[in-house]
Amino acid sequence: MNAPEPVLRHLAELGLDRTQTVYYNLPPARLVELSVRRGEGRLTAGGPLATRTDPHTGRSPNDRFIVREETSEDAVAWGATNRPISEDAFDRLHGAMKRYATGRDLFVRDCYAGADPRYRVRVRVITEKAWHSIFAHNMFLRPATEEELEEFEPDYTVLDLCDFKATEKVNAELNSSTFVLLHLGRGLVLIGGTNYAGEIKKSIFSALNFVLPDKGVLPMHCSASEAVGGGNTAVFFGLSGTGKTTLSADARRVLIGDDEHGWSEEGVFNFEGGCYAKAIRLSPEGEPEIYDTTREFGTLAENVALLPDRSIDFDDATITENTRLSYPISFIPNASEDGMGGVPETVLFLTADAFGVLPPIAKLTPEQAQYHFLSGYTAKVAGTERGVTEPKATFSACFGEPFMVLPPSRYAEMLGERIERTGARVFLVNTGWTGGPYGTGERMKLAWTRRMVDAALAGELDSVETETEPVFGLEVPVAIDGVPDSVLHPRQTWADTDAYDAKASQLAEMFADNFEKYRENVSEEVRQAGPARAMA
C-alpha cells in the first residue's frame, strides 16, 4: 500500500523524506516475503518466520533513557530505572538517524495501544526491517477500516533503526552504541543498536504508564482472563518465569491478554493485539494453545534453533534462553474478541520462589497486597544469568519496574484503592520450589498450581479455614481439594526444618531490606504488612 500524503508529511517533519521506498501498512504475507528476500529471516516448517536478534536477545535496560524536559521533569521517578538524558543529546542522535535513513527503505505501520477506545493511543511504528513491521502488526491493535487509516494522526511515534549504532561523537551521554530514548513531551521514541523487537512494545508500555494514571487508569504488567460468557475477571501479575502466560492461557477461560492491561472504572482492557510468549522448552502437552501458534503463518519465532528440516527445536537454548513467539492474540482459540473484561474479582501475584519457603497460595489483605505489589518478588536460579550460581532474590516494583515511569507508590496506591472499593480477593501464588530450595527441592507441580488457582477464581477459598504463617504473616488455607495438605505448608515439606527456618528468615530479611526505599511513601498499615525481619 502506498503511503498516503499525511504519512509522508509526517515523515518529512521527522526528517525522513530522503528515503528510498516507504512501505505502508503492508499485510503480513507481503512483509514475510520481503523479510525472506532481504535476508532478515527464514520460513520454518510449520509456517512461522524465524529471525535472529543476537547479540541483543533481550531488552537493554541500561540503554533506556527518558528525555528530561518540561513534561517529564517533575513527574518521572528518576534513577537507575528511568535514566535522564538531555534534550540536546536526543536531538543530536535524532539528527544522526535522519542522515542514516537517507536512501534506505522504511516500513510504516499505524496501530493502536489500548482496546478501550476511551483510553487508547494511536501509535506509528517506523522500522528499517520488514519483520519488525510484522511484530508491530502482531503486537498492537490494528485499525479496522480504511477510514481509520485515512484519519490517523499518531499520539506516539516509534522510530526503530535497529542497525544504526550511536557513536561517542554523536552522543556521549549514552552507555553504549545501543539506545532506547523516550521523549514524552514530543511523543517520540528513538531505538537503535538492537534488533530485539520487544523494545518497540515496551517503549509504548512505558508511555502508557506515564499518561494513563492521570486519566484514572491503572496500567498493569499482567495477564488477564475471564469466565466464558463474561464475568469473574482475573489479573495475573508476575515476572518472567513465574507462569503468567501459562496460567492465563487456560482453555476453560477467555484470554483477555497475556502481558499489559489497564484497570479503569469500567473494567480491564488489553493494551495489545497480540502475545509475546517465551518459547524455550515449549511443548504441545504443557502449553497446547501457545504451541499451536507455531503452526500458523504470521507467527514470528525469535532466536530459536532450527533442525535440518527447518522445524523448531524448542529445547535448544544455544542462542538464548529467551526465545520468543510473537503472534496475534486471535491465534489463541479462546481469546477475547474485543480485549476487554469486567472489573477484576481476583488478583493473583505470581512468584517463583527458588528458596522454597513461601506457601504455594496465600490470601492477602489490601495492605499486604500493596506491600507485595511494591516488592514484586521472584527469584533467579543458577544457569539463567551469567554469575548466578545459587538462588538470587529479585525485586521488581509493581512486577514491572523497568517500565514504571512514575514513582511505584503511585501505582500501588491506585491498586490498593481499587481492591478496597471493589472487594477484589488477592492471592500470592508461589509457582517455584517446594521441599527445599532450588537444587534440593522440586518445582511445584503445574497441576497443583492450576487446582489452587481454580479454587481461588471459583471463590472456594473465600471462607476456608486458614492458618497464619509465622514468618511472612500470610493466611494459608489449611486444605484444598486436589492438593496434598503438606504442600500448602512449606515447612512440612522440608526434611530439615531448621534449614527451612534459616532460609525463611533470610528471605524475610531480603524483603525488609528491599522495602526500605518505599517506607516513607506508604501508610503505617502497609509498612507493617510485610514479613518479620527474623524468626520469632
Protein backbone atom coordinates (compact mmCIF):
# COMPACT_ATOMS: atom_id res chain seq x y z
CA MET A 1 0.00 0.00 0.00
CA ASN A 2 1.39 3.39 -0.95
CA ALA A 3 1.88 5.75 1.97
CA PRO A 4 -0.82 8.46 1.98
CA GLU A 5 0.20 12.10 1.82
CA PRO A 6 -0.34 12.82 5.56
CA VAL A 7 2.06 9.98 6.41
CA LEU A 8 4.68 11.31 4.00
CA ARG A 9 4.30 14.78 5.53
CA HIS A 10 4.84 13.34 8.98
CA LEU A 11 7.95 11.53 7.80
CA ALA A 12 9.21 14.80 6.36
CA GLU A 13 8.63 16.50 9.71
CA LEU A 14 10.77 13.79 11.28
CA GLY A 15 13.48 14.40 8.66
CA LEU A 16 12.78 11.10 6.90
CA ASP A 17 11.90 12.48 3.46
CA ARG A 18 15.01 11.28 1.63
CA THR A 19 14.39 7.56 1.94
CA GLN A 20 14.24 5.02 -0.88
CA THR A 21 10.83 3.32 -0.57
CA VAL A 22 8.18 3.76 2.12
CA TYR A 23 6.11 0.62 2.65
CA TYR A 24 2.89 1.47 4.46
CA ASN A 25 0.74 -1.00 6.44
CA LEU A 26 1.70 -3.97 4.29
CA PRO A 27 -0.13 -7.23 5.06
CA PRO A 28 1.87 -9.93 6.87
CA ALA A 29 2.21 -12.13 3.78
CA ARG A 30 3.91 -9.35 1.84
CA LEU A 31 6.14 -8.49 4.80
CA VAL A 32 7.17 -12.13 5.21
CA GLU A 33 8.04 -12.27 1.53
CA LEU A 34 10.17 -9.13 1.81
CA SER A 35 11.80 -10.35 5.04
CA VAL A 36 12.95 -13.56 3.37
CA ARG A 37 14.10 -11.76 0.22
CA ARG A 38 16.07 -9.24 2.28
CA GLY A 39 17.73 -11.97 4.36
CA GLU A 40 16.03 -10.93 7.59
CA GLY A 41 14.56 -14.34 8.41
CA ARG A 42 13.80 -17.90 7.32
CA LEU A 43 10.49 -19.69 6.96
CA THR A 44 10.14 -22.65 9.28
CA ALA A 45 8.49 -25.97 8.52
CA GLY A 46 5.40 -25.03 10.49
CA GLY A 47 4.88 -21.62 8.90
CA PRO A 48 6.40 -19.02 11.29
CA LEU A 49 9.20 -16.69 10.27
CA ALA A 50 12.37 -17.35 12.27
CA THR A 51 14.52 -14.30 13.00
CA ARG A 52 17.70 -13.57 14.94
CA THR A 53 18.36 -10.61 17.21
CA ASP A 54 21.72 -11.57 18.75
CA PRO A 55 23.82 -10.22 20.33
CA HIS A 56 20.80 -8.50 21.93
CA THR A 57 18.43 -11.35 22.78
CA GLY A 58 16.54 -9.35 25.39
CA ARG A 59 15.89 -5.80 26.45
CA SER A 60 18.78 -3.44 27.20
CA PRO A 61 17.65 -1.74 30.44
CA ASN A 62 20.96 0.09 30.89
CA ASP A 63 20.46 1.72 27.48
CA ARG A 64 16.96 3.05 28.12
CA PHE A 65 16.67 6.79 28.79
CA ILE A 66 13.89 9.36 29.21
CA VAL A 67 14.44 12.89 27.99
CA ARG A 68 14.45 15.35 30.87
CA GLU A 69 12.20 18.18 29.67
CA GLU A 70 9.17 20.17 30.77
CA THR A 71 6.70 17.29 30.53
CA SER A 72 8.83 14.78 32.40
CA GLU A 73 10.93 16.93 34.76
CA ASP A 74 8.74 16.84 37.87
CA ALA A 75 6.74 13.69 37.15
CA VAL A 76 9.21 10.90 36.33
CA ALA A 77 10.79 8.83 39.09
CA TRP A 78 14.37 9.47 38.03
CA GLY A 79 17.00 6.91 38.97
CA ALA A 80 18.62 3.70 37.80
CA THR A 81 15.42 2.59 36.04
CA ASN A 82 14.45 5.93 34.48
CA ARG A 83 17.77 7.39 33.43
CA PRO A 84 17.66 11.01 32.27
CA ILE A 85 19.14 12.28 29.03
CA SER A 86 19.23 15.86 27.80
CA GLU A 87 17.06 17.20 25.02
CA ASP A 88 20.19 18.34 23.16
CA ALA A 89 21.56 14.81 23.22
CA PHE A 90 18.23 13.47 21.95
CA ASP A 91 18.25 15.97 19.07
CA ARG A 92 21.85 15.14 18.11
CA LEU A 93 21.02 11.46 17.96
CA HIS A 94 17.82 12.13 16.02
CA GLY A 95 19.84 14.14 13.51
CA ALA A 96 22.29 11.28 13.02
CA MET A 97 19.39 8.87 12.49
CA LYS A 98 17.94 11.14 9.80
CA ARG A 99 21.23 11.02 7.92
CA TYR A 100 21.44 7.25 8.35
CA ALA A 101 17.93 6.79 6.90
CA THR A 102 18.80 8.60 3.65
CA GLY A 103 18.36 6.26 0.71
CA ARG A 104 17.03 3.38 2.83
CA ASP A 105 13.68 1.61 2.72
CA LEU A 106 11.32 2.22 5.62
CA PHE A 107 8.32 0.29 6.85
CA VAL A 108 5.49 2.25 8.46
CA ARG A 109 2.67 0.72 10.49
CA ASP A 110 -0.21 2.63 12.06
CA CYS A 111 -1.86 0.91 15.00
CA TYR A 112 -3.38 1.38 18.44
CA ALA A 113 -2.41 0.62 22.02
CA GLY A 114 -5.44 0.07 24.23
CA ALA A 115 -8.55 -1.95 23.43
CA ASP A 116 -10.85 0.50 25.20
CA PRO A 117 -11.50 3.35 22.71
CA ARG A 118 -11.85 5.79 25.61
CA TYR A 119 -8.22 5.36 26.61
CA ARG A 120 -6.38 4.05 23.55
CA VAL A 121 -3.47 5.89 21.98
CA ARG A 122 -2.52 5.98 18.30
CA VAL A 123 0.94 4.63 17.53
CA ARG A 124 3.02 4.93 14.36
CA VAL A 125 5.89 2.43 14.17
CA ILE A 126 8.64 3.20 11.63
CA THR A 127 11.26 0.47 11.10
CA GLU A 128 14.07 -0.38 8.72
CA LYS A 129 13.38 -4.13 8.99
CA ALA A 130 10.31 -5.69 7.40
CA TRP A 131 9.98 -8.25 10.18
CA HIS A 132 9.79 -5.52 12.79
CA SER A 133 6.70 -4.27 10.97
CA ILE A 134 5.26 -7.79 11.30
CA PHE A 135 5.99 -7.57 15.02
CA ALA A 136 4.10 -4.27 15.24
CA HIS A 137 1.21 -5.80 13.29
CA ASN A 138 1.08 -8.75 15.69
CA MET A 139 1.55 -6.92 18.97
CA PHE A 140 -0.51 -3.76 18.59
CA LEU A 141 -4.19 -3.33 17.74
CA ARG A 142 -5.00 -2.91 14.08
CA PRO A 143 -7.31 -0.25 12.62
CA ALA A 144 -10.41 -1.96 11.27
CA THR A 145 -11.21 0.29 8.29
CA GLU A 146 -9.53 2.35 5.60
CA GLU A 147 -11.31 5.39 7.00
CA GLU A 148 -9.48 4.97 10.30
CA LEU A 149 -6.16 4.94 8.48
CA GLU A 150 -7.05 7.99 6.43
CA GLU A 151 -7.78 9.97 9.60
CA PHE A 152 -4.85 8.55 11.59
CA GLU A 153 -2.68 11.05 13.45
CA PRO A 154 -0.20 9.42 15.86
CA ASP A 155 -0.02 10.26 19.54
CA TYR A 156 3.29 8.39 19.73
CA THR A 157 5.84 7.54 17.07
CA VAL A 158 8.49 4.84 17.38
CA LEU A 159 11.49 5.25 15.05
CA ASP A 160 13.42 1.97 15.15
CA LEU A 161 16.56 1.99 13.00
CA CYS A 162 17.95 -1.15 14.57
CA ASP A 163 21.23 -1.33 12.63
CA PHE A 164 22.17 2.27 13.39
CA LYS A 165 24.72 2.44 16.17
CA ALA A 166 25.39 5.59 18.15
CA THR A 167 28.95 6.83 18.35
CA GLU A 168 30.52 8.73 21.23
CA LYS A 169 30.85 11.72 18.92
CA VAL A 170 27.08 11.71 18.35
CA ASN A 171 26.13 11.17 21.96
CA ALA A 172 28.47 10.86 24.90
CA GLU A 173 25.53 10.65 27.34
CA LEU A 174 24.74 7.06 26.33
CA ASN A 175 26.18 3.92 27.91
CA SER A 176 26.82 2.15 24.61
CA SER A 177 26.02 2.25 20.91
CA THR A 178 22.57 0.84 21.76
CA PHE A 179 19.78 3.16 22.86
CA VAL A 180 16.06 3.38 23.60
CA LEU A 181 15.08 7.02 24.16
CA LEU A 182 11.63 8.28 25.18
CA HIS A 183 10.70 11.90 24.62
CA LEU A 184 7.38 12.04 26.45
CA GLY A 185 6.72 15.67 25.52
CA ARG A 186 7.02 15.04 21.79
CA GLY A 187 5.59 11.53 21.84
CA LEU A 188 8.69 10.23 20.05
CA VAL A 189 10.75 7.11 20.72
CA LEU A 190 14.17 6.51 19.16
CA ILE A 191 15.58 2.96 19.07
CA GLY A 192 18.93 1.89 17.63
CA GLY A 193 21.71 -0.62 18.03
CA THR A 194 19.43 -3.57 18.82
CA ASN A 195 17.25 -5.90 16.76
CA TYR A 196 15.32 -7.11 19.79
CA ALA A 197 11.70 -6.38 18.85
CA GLY A 198 10.44 -6.28 22.43
CA GLU A 199 11.90 -2.78 22.80
CA ILE A 200 9.19 -1.50 20.45
CA LYS A 201 6.23 -2.61 22.52
CA LYS A 202 7.82 -1.92 25.91
CA SER A 203 8.60 1.68 24.94
CA ILE A 204 4.90 2.29 24.35
CA PHE A 205 4.02 0.47 27.56
CA SER A 206 6.30 2.93 29.36
CA ALA A 207 4.47 5.83 27.73
CA LEU A 208 1.11 4.42 28.82
CA ASN A 209 2.42 4.02 32.35
CA PHE A 210 3.13 7.76 32.25
CA VAL A 211 -0.14 9.09 30.84
CA LEU A 212 -2.90 6.73 32.00
CA PRO A 213 -2.84 7.28 35.79
CA ASP A 214 -3.90 10.92 35.25
CA LYS A 215 -6.89 9.53 33.32
CA GLY A 216 -7.90 7.31 36.22
CA VAL A 217 -6.50 4.11 34.68
CA LEU A 218 -4.06 1.81 36.49
CA PRO A 219 -1.56 0.43 33.94
CA MET A 220 -0.50 -3.13 34.82
CA HIS A 221 2.19 -5.58 33.72
CA CYS A 222 -0.10 -8.59 33.94
CA SER A 223 -2.15 -11.12 32.04
CA ALA A 224 -5.93 -11.23 32.32
CA SER A 225 -8.76 -13.68 31.70
CA GLU A 226 -12.46 -14.05 32.39
CA ALA A 227 -15.10 -16.73 32.53
CA VAL A 228 -16.71 -17.96 29.33
CA GLY A 229 -19.70 -15.71 28.81
CA GLY A 230 -18.12 -12.88 30.80
CA GLY A 231 -17.59 -12.07 34.44
CA ASN A 232 -15.21 -13.48 37.06
CA THR A 233 -12.36 -11.41 35.62
CA ALA A 234 -8.88 -12.14 36.99
CA VAL A 235 -5.49 -10.49 36.56
CA PHE A 236 -2.17 -12.33 36.94
CA PHE A 237 0.91 -10.30 37.90
CA GLY A 238 4.31 -11.93 37.62
CA LEU A 239 7.84 -11.51 36.37
CA SER A 240 9.44 -13.69 33.71
CA GLY A 241 9.36 -17.40 34.53
CA THR A 242 6.57 -17.25 37.11
CA GLY A 243 3.83 -18.73 34.88
CA LYS A 244 1.90 -15.57 33.98
CA THR A 245 1.34 -16.57 30.36
CA THR A 246 0.90 -20.28 31.11
CA LEU A 247 -1.76 -19.83 33.81
CA SER A 248 -3.75 -17.24 31.89
CA ALA A 249 -3.80 -19.31 28.68
CA ASP A 250 -6.45 -21.65 30.06
CA ALA A 251 -8.75 -23.26 27.51
CA ARG A 252 -11.56 -23.18 30.07
CA ARG A 253 -11.49 -19.37 30.27
CA VAL A 254 -11.38 -16.45 27.86
CA LEU A 255 -7.95 -14.84 27.46
CA ILE A 256 -8.18 -11.04 27.54
CA GLY A 257 -4.42 -10.62 27.12
CA ASP A 258 -1.10 -12.01 28.32
CA ASP A 259 1.11 -9.05 29.24
CA GLU A 260 -0.16 -5.47 29.53
CA HIS A 261 -3.53 -4.12 30.68
CA GLY A 262 -5.32 -1.11 32.09
CA TRP A 263 -7.79 -1.15 35.01
CA SER A 264 -10.33 1.65 34.59
CA GLU A 265 -13.54 2.40 36.45
CA GLU A 266 -15.35 0.25 33.88
CA GLY A 267 -13.05 -2.79 33.96
CA VAL A 268 -9.89 -4.26 32.46
CA PHE A 269 -8.70 -3.78 28.88
CA ASN A 270 -5.75 -5.17 26.94
CA PHE A 271 -3.14 -2.73 25.68
CA GLU A 272 -2.10 -5.11 22.91
CA GLY A 273 -3.42 -7.10 20.00
CA GLY A 274 -1.01 -9.99 20.31
CA CYS A 275 1.12 -12.16 22.56
CA TYR A 276 4.89 -12.31 23.07
CA ALA A 277 5.37 -15.69 24.68
CA LYS A 278 8.52 -17.45 25.80
CA ALA A 279 9.22 -20.46 23.59
CA ILE A 280 12.01 -22.27 25.40
CA ARG A 281 11.02 -25.89 26.10
CA LEU A 282 7.56 -25.27 24.69
CA SER A 283 5.55 -28.48 24.27
CA PRO A 284 2.09 -29.45 23.00
CA GLU A 285 1.43 -31.22 26.31
CA GLY A 286 2.39 -28.34 28.60
CA GLU A 287 1.03 -25.34 26.68
CA PRO A 288 -1.08 -26.60 23.76
CA GLU A 289 -2.69 -23.24 22.87
CA ILE A 290 0.67 -21.49 22.58
CA TYR A 291 2.29 -24.47 20.82
CA ASP A 292 -0.41 -24.42 18.15
CA THR A 293 0.64 -20.88 17.15
CA THR A 294 3.89 -22.38 15.86
CA ARG A 295 1.79 -23.93 13.10
CA GLU A 296 0.45 -20.57 11.97
CA PHE A 297 1.74 -18.40 9.14
CA GLY A 298 2.35 -14.92 10.52
CA THR A 299 3.87 -16.03 13.81
CA LEU A 300 7.38 -14.73 14.47
CA ALA A 301 9.89 -17.03 16.18
CA GLU A 302 12.81 -15.07 17.67
CA ASN A 303 16.21 -16.66 18.29
CA VAL A 304 15.02 -20.25 18.03
CA ALA A 305 17.25 -23.05 16.74
CA LEU A 306 16.14 -24.85 13.58
CA LEU A 307 16.61 -28.54 12.82
CA PRO A 308 17.72 -29.64 9.33
CA ASP A 309 14.08 -29.96 8.20
CA ARG A 310 13.51 -26.36 9.41
CA SER A 311 11.30 -27.39 12.28
CA ILE A 312 11.92 -25.54 15.55
CA ASP A 313 13.92 -27.20 18.31
CA PHE A 314 12.22 -25.67 21.34
CA ASP A 315 14.68 -27.31 23.75
CA ASP A 316 17.75 -25.69 22.16
CA ALA A 317 18.93 -22.63 24.11
CA THR A 318 22.13 -22.20 22.11
CA ILE A 319 21.23 -18.66 21.08
CA THR A 320 19.38 -17.71 24.26
CA GLU A 321 17.02 -18.96 26.94
CA ASN A 322 14.81 -16.01 25.98
CA THR A 323 13.42 -17.47 22.75
CA ARG A 324 10.14 -15.77 21.88
CA LEU A 325 6.99 -16.16 19.80
CA SER A 326 5.03 -13.14 18.57
CA TYR A 327 1.54 -13.76 17.20
CA PRO A 328 -1.86 -12.06 17.02
CA ILE A 329 -3.98 -12.92 20.03
CA SER A 330 -6.62 -14.23 17.61
CA PHE A 331 -4.33 -17.26 17.09
CA ILE A 332 -5.40 -18.37 20.60
CA PRO A 333 -8.78 -20.14 20.22
CA ASN A 334 -10.26 -18.82 23.47
CA ALA A 335 -9.06 -15.22 23.08
CA SER A 336 -11.40 -12.32 23.76
CA GLU A 337 -12.73 -10.68 20.63
CA ASP A 338 -12.65 -7.13 22.00
CA GLY A 339 -9.81 -7.36 24.53
CA MET A 340 -11.99 -6.04 27.34
CA GLY A 341 -13.29 -7.53 30.58
CA GLY A 342 -15.13 -6.53 33.72
CA VAL A 343 -13.76 -5.19 36.98
CA PRO A 344 -11.37 -7.83 38.38
CA GLU A 345 -12.79 -10.03 41.09
CA THR A 346 -9.48 -11.82 41.67
CA VAL A 347 -5.90 -10.53 41.68
CA LEU A 348 -3.04 -13.03 41.71
CA PHE A 349 0.63 -12.22 42.37
CA LEU A 350 2.81 -14.98 40.93
CA THR A 351 6.30 -15.63 42.26
CA ALA A 352 8.80 -18.40 41.55
CA ASP A 353 10.40 -18.70 44.98
CA ALA A 354 13.64 -20.61 44.46
CA PHE A 355 14.28 -20.55 48.23
CA GLY A 356 11.32 -22.91 48.63
CA VAL A 357 9.85 -21.18 51.70
CA LEU A 358 6.77 -19.28 50.50
CA PRO A 359 3.44 -21.13 50.58
CA PRO A 360 2.01 -22.16 47.19
CA ILE A 361 -1.02 -19.95 47.79
CA ALA A 362 -1.96 -17.41 50.45
CA LYS A 363 -4.71 -14.85 50.95
CA LEU A 364 -3.58 -11.21 51.19
CA THR A 365 -5.18 -8.27 52.95
CA PRO A 366 -5.37 -4.98 50.99
CA GLU A 367 -2.32 -3.75 52.93
CA GLN A 368 -0.38 -6.93 52.20
CA ALA A 369 -1.39 -6.59 48.56
CA GLN A 370 0.23 -3.15 48.37
CA TYR A 371 3.33 -4.42 50.16
CA HIS A 372 3.82 -7.37 47.83
CA PHE A 373 2.92 -5.30 44.77
CA LEU A 374 5.66 -2.83 45.65
CA SER A 375 8.06 -5.68 46.39
CA GLY A 376 7.44 -7.59 43.14
CA TYR A 377 9.43 -10.60 44.34
CA THR A 378 10.65 -13.61 42.41
CA ALA A 379 13.98 -15.46 42.30
CA LYS A 380 16.51 -16.24 39.59
CA VAL A 381 18.12 -19.65 39.61
CA ALA A 382 21.52 -20.94 38.59
CA GLY A 383 22.11 -21.03 34.86
CA THR A 384 19.59 -18.33 33.91
CA GLU A 385 22.09 -15.49 34.09
CA ARG A 386 25.87 -15.24 34.00
CA GLY A 387 27.32 -15.30 37.51
CA VAL A 388 24.20 -16.73 39.17
CA THR A 389 25.30 -19.93 40.91
CA GLU A 390 22.62 -20.11 43.61
CA PRO A 391 19.07 -18.72 44.02
CA LYS A 392 19.08 -14.94 43.81
CA ALA A 393 16.19 -12.83 45.10
CA THR A 394 14.86 -10.36 42.56
CA PHE A 395 12.57 -7.47 43.47
CA SER A 396 10.86 -5.52 40.68
CA ALA A 397 8.34 -2.92 41.87
CA CYS A 398 4.80 -3.43 40.55
CA PHE A 399 6.02 -6.65 38.91
CA GLY A 400 7.36 -4.48 36.08
CA GLU A 401 9.75 -1.87 37.45
CA PRO A 402 11.69 -1.37 34.17
CA PHE A 403 8.56 0.15 32.61
CA MET A 404 7.15 2.13 35.54
CA VAL A 405 7.81 5.79 34.78
CA LEU A 406 6.08 7.33 37.81
CA PRO A 407 7.00 6.58 41.46
CA PRO A 408 5.99 2.96 42.24
CA SER A 409 3.94 4.12 45.23
CA ARG A 410 1.59 5.92 42.81
CA TYR A 411 0.65 2.64 41.14
CA ALA A 412 0.45 0.81 44.48
CA GLU A 413 -1.95 3.41 45.86
CA MET A 414 -4.17 3.01 42.80
CA LEU A 415 -4.19 -0.75 43.16
CA GLY A 416 -4.95 -0.55 46.89
CA GLU A 417 -7.84 1.85 46.28
CA ARG A 418 -9.33 -0.47 43.67
CA ILE A 419 -9.03 -3.52 45.90
CA GLU A 420 -10.71 -1.69 48.79
CA ARG A 421 -13.50 -0.28 46.63
CA THR A 422 -14.32 -3.42 44.64
CA GLY A 423 -13.65 -6.04 47.29
CA ALA A 424 -11.39 -7.97 44.91
CA ARG A 425 -9.78 -11.00 46.52
CA VAL A 426 -5.97 -11.08 46.35
CA PHE A 427 -3.65 -14.09 46.48
CA LEU A 428 0.08 -14.67 46.49
CA VAL A 429 0.89 -17.78 44.44
CA ASN A 430 4.29 -19.47 44.59
CA THR A 431 4.98 -21.40 41.39
CA GLY A 432 8.58 -22.05 42.47
CA TRP A 433 10.11 -24.72 44.66
CA THR A 434 8.82 -26.98 47.42
CA GLY A 435 10.56 -29.44 49.73
CA GLY A 436 13.72 -27.37 49.74
CA PRO A 437 15.45 -24.67 47.71
CA TYR A 438 16.43 -24.93 44.06
CA GLY A 439 18.86 -27.82 43.72
CA THR A 440 17.35 -29.72 46.65
CA GLY A 441 13.59 -29.39 46.37
CA GLU A 442 11.44 -29.76 43.29
CA ARG A 443 9.39 -27.35 41.20
CA MET A 444 5.77 -27.01 42.21
CA LYS A 445 3.63 -29.29 40.06
CA LEU A 446 1.70 -27.29 37.47
CA ALA A 447 -1.38 -29.43 38.13
CA TRP A 448 -1.35 -28.39 41.79
CA THR A 449 -0.91 -24.73 40.91
CA ARG A 450 -3.77 -24.88 38.40
CA ARG A 451 -6.01 -26.51 41.02
CA MET A 452 -5.20 -23.81 43.58
CA VAL A 453 -5.75 -21.02 41.05
CA ASP A 454 -9.04 -22.62 40.01
CA ALA A 455 -10.12 -22.68 43.66
CA ALA A 456 -9.19 -19.03 44.08
CA LEU A 457 -11.08 -17.98 40.96
CA ALA A 458 -14.16 -20.01 41.90
CA GLY A 459 -14.38 -18.41 45.35
CA GLU A 460 -13.69 -21.72 47.09
CA LEU A 461 -11.05 -20.08 49.28
CA ASP A 462 -13.19 -17.17 50.45
CA SER A 463 -14.36 -18.90 53.61
CA VAL A 464 -11.99 -21.83 54.10
CA GLU A 465 -10.10 -22.32 57.34
CA THR A 466 -6.66 -20.72 57.27
CA GLU A 467 -3.52 -20.66 59.38
CA THR A 468 -1.23 -17.65 59.76
CA GLU A 469 2.25 -18.46 58.50
CA PRO A 470 4.56 -17.02 61.23
CA VAL A 471 7.42 -15.52 59.21
CA PHE A 472 5.63 -13.73 56.37
CA GLY A 473 2.29 -13.25 58.13
CA LEU A 474 0.36 -14.90 55.31
CA GLU A 475 -3.06 -16.56 55.64
CA VAL A 476 -2.63 -20.07 54.22
CA PRO A 477 -5.57 -22.43 53.55
CA VAL A 478 -5.45 -25.49 55.77
CA ALA A 479 -6.74 -27.72 52.96
CA ILE A 480 -7.68 -27.52 49.28
CA ASP A 481 -9.28 -30.45 47.48
CA GLY A 482 -6.84 -31.97 45.00
CA VAL A 483 -3.70 -30.64 46.69
CA PRO A 484 -1.72 -32.54 49.37
CA ASP A 485 -2.16 -30.78 52.71
CA SER A 486 1.58 -30.81 53.39
CA VAL A 487 2.30 -28.93 50.16
CA LEU A 488 0.24 -25.99 51.42
CA HIS A 489 2.61 -25.58 54.37
CA PRO A 490 6.19 -25.43 53.05
CA ARG A 491 7.90 -26.15 56.39
CA GLN A 492 6.23 -29.57 56.42
CA THR A 493 7.80 -30.45 53.04
CA TRP A 494 11.38 -29.88 54.19
CA ALA A 495 13.34 -32.84 55.65
CA ASP A 496 15.36 -30.37 57.75
CA THR A 497 13.02 -27.89 59.42
CA ASP A 498 15.93 -25.97 60.95
CA ALA A 499 17.21 -25.35 57.43
CA TYR A 500 13.76 -24.13 56.45
CA ASP A 501 13.67 -21.71 59.38
CA ALA A 502 17.06 -20.28 58.43
CA LYS A 503 16.13 -19.87 54.77
CA ALA A 504 12.76 -18.29 55.59
CA SER A 505 14.45 -15.83 57.93
CA GLN A 506 17.00 -14.99 55.22
CA LEU A 507 14.26 -14.23 52.68
CA ALA A 508 12.31 -12.16 55.22
CA GLU A 509 15.41 -10.02 55.75
CA MET A 510 15.70 -9.51 51.99
CA PHE A 511 12.08 -8.37 51.80
CA ALA A 512 12.57 -5.91 54.65
CA ASP A 513 15.81 -4.50 53.26
CA ASN A 514 14.29 -4.02 49.81
CA PHE A 515 11.20 -2.27 51.20
CA GLU A 516 13.19 0.42 52.99
CA LYS A 517 13.10 2.65 49.90
CA TYR A 518 9.29 2.68 49.91
CA ARG A 519 8.65 3.15 53.65
CA GLU A 520 8.33 6.94 53.60
CA ASN A 521 5.71 6.89 50.83
CA VAL A 522 3.26 4.33 52.24
CA SER A 523 0.96 4.17 55.24
CA GLU A 524 1.95 2.60 58.55
CA GLU A 525 -0.52 -0.23 57.82
CA VAL A 526 1.30 -1.10 54.60
CA ARG A 527 4.70 -0.85 56.33
CA GLN A 528 3.51 -3.38 58.90
CA ALA A 529 2.11 -5.76 56.28
CA GLY A 530 5.46 -7.30 55.35
CA PRO A 531 7.31 -10.23 56.90
CA ALA A 532 9.13 -10.05 60.20
CA ARG A 533 12.85 -9.40 59.89
CA ALA A 534 13.68 -12.60 61.77
CA MET A 535 12.01 -15.68 63.15
CA ALA A 536 10.27 -15.18 66.48
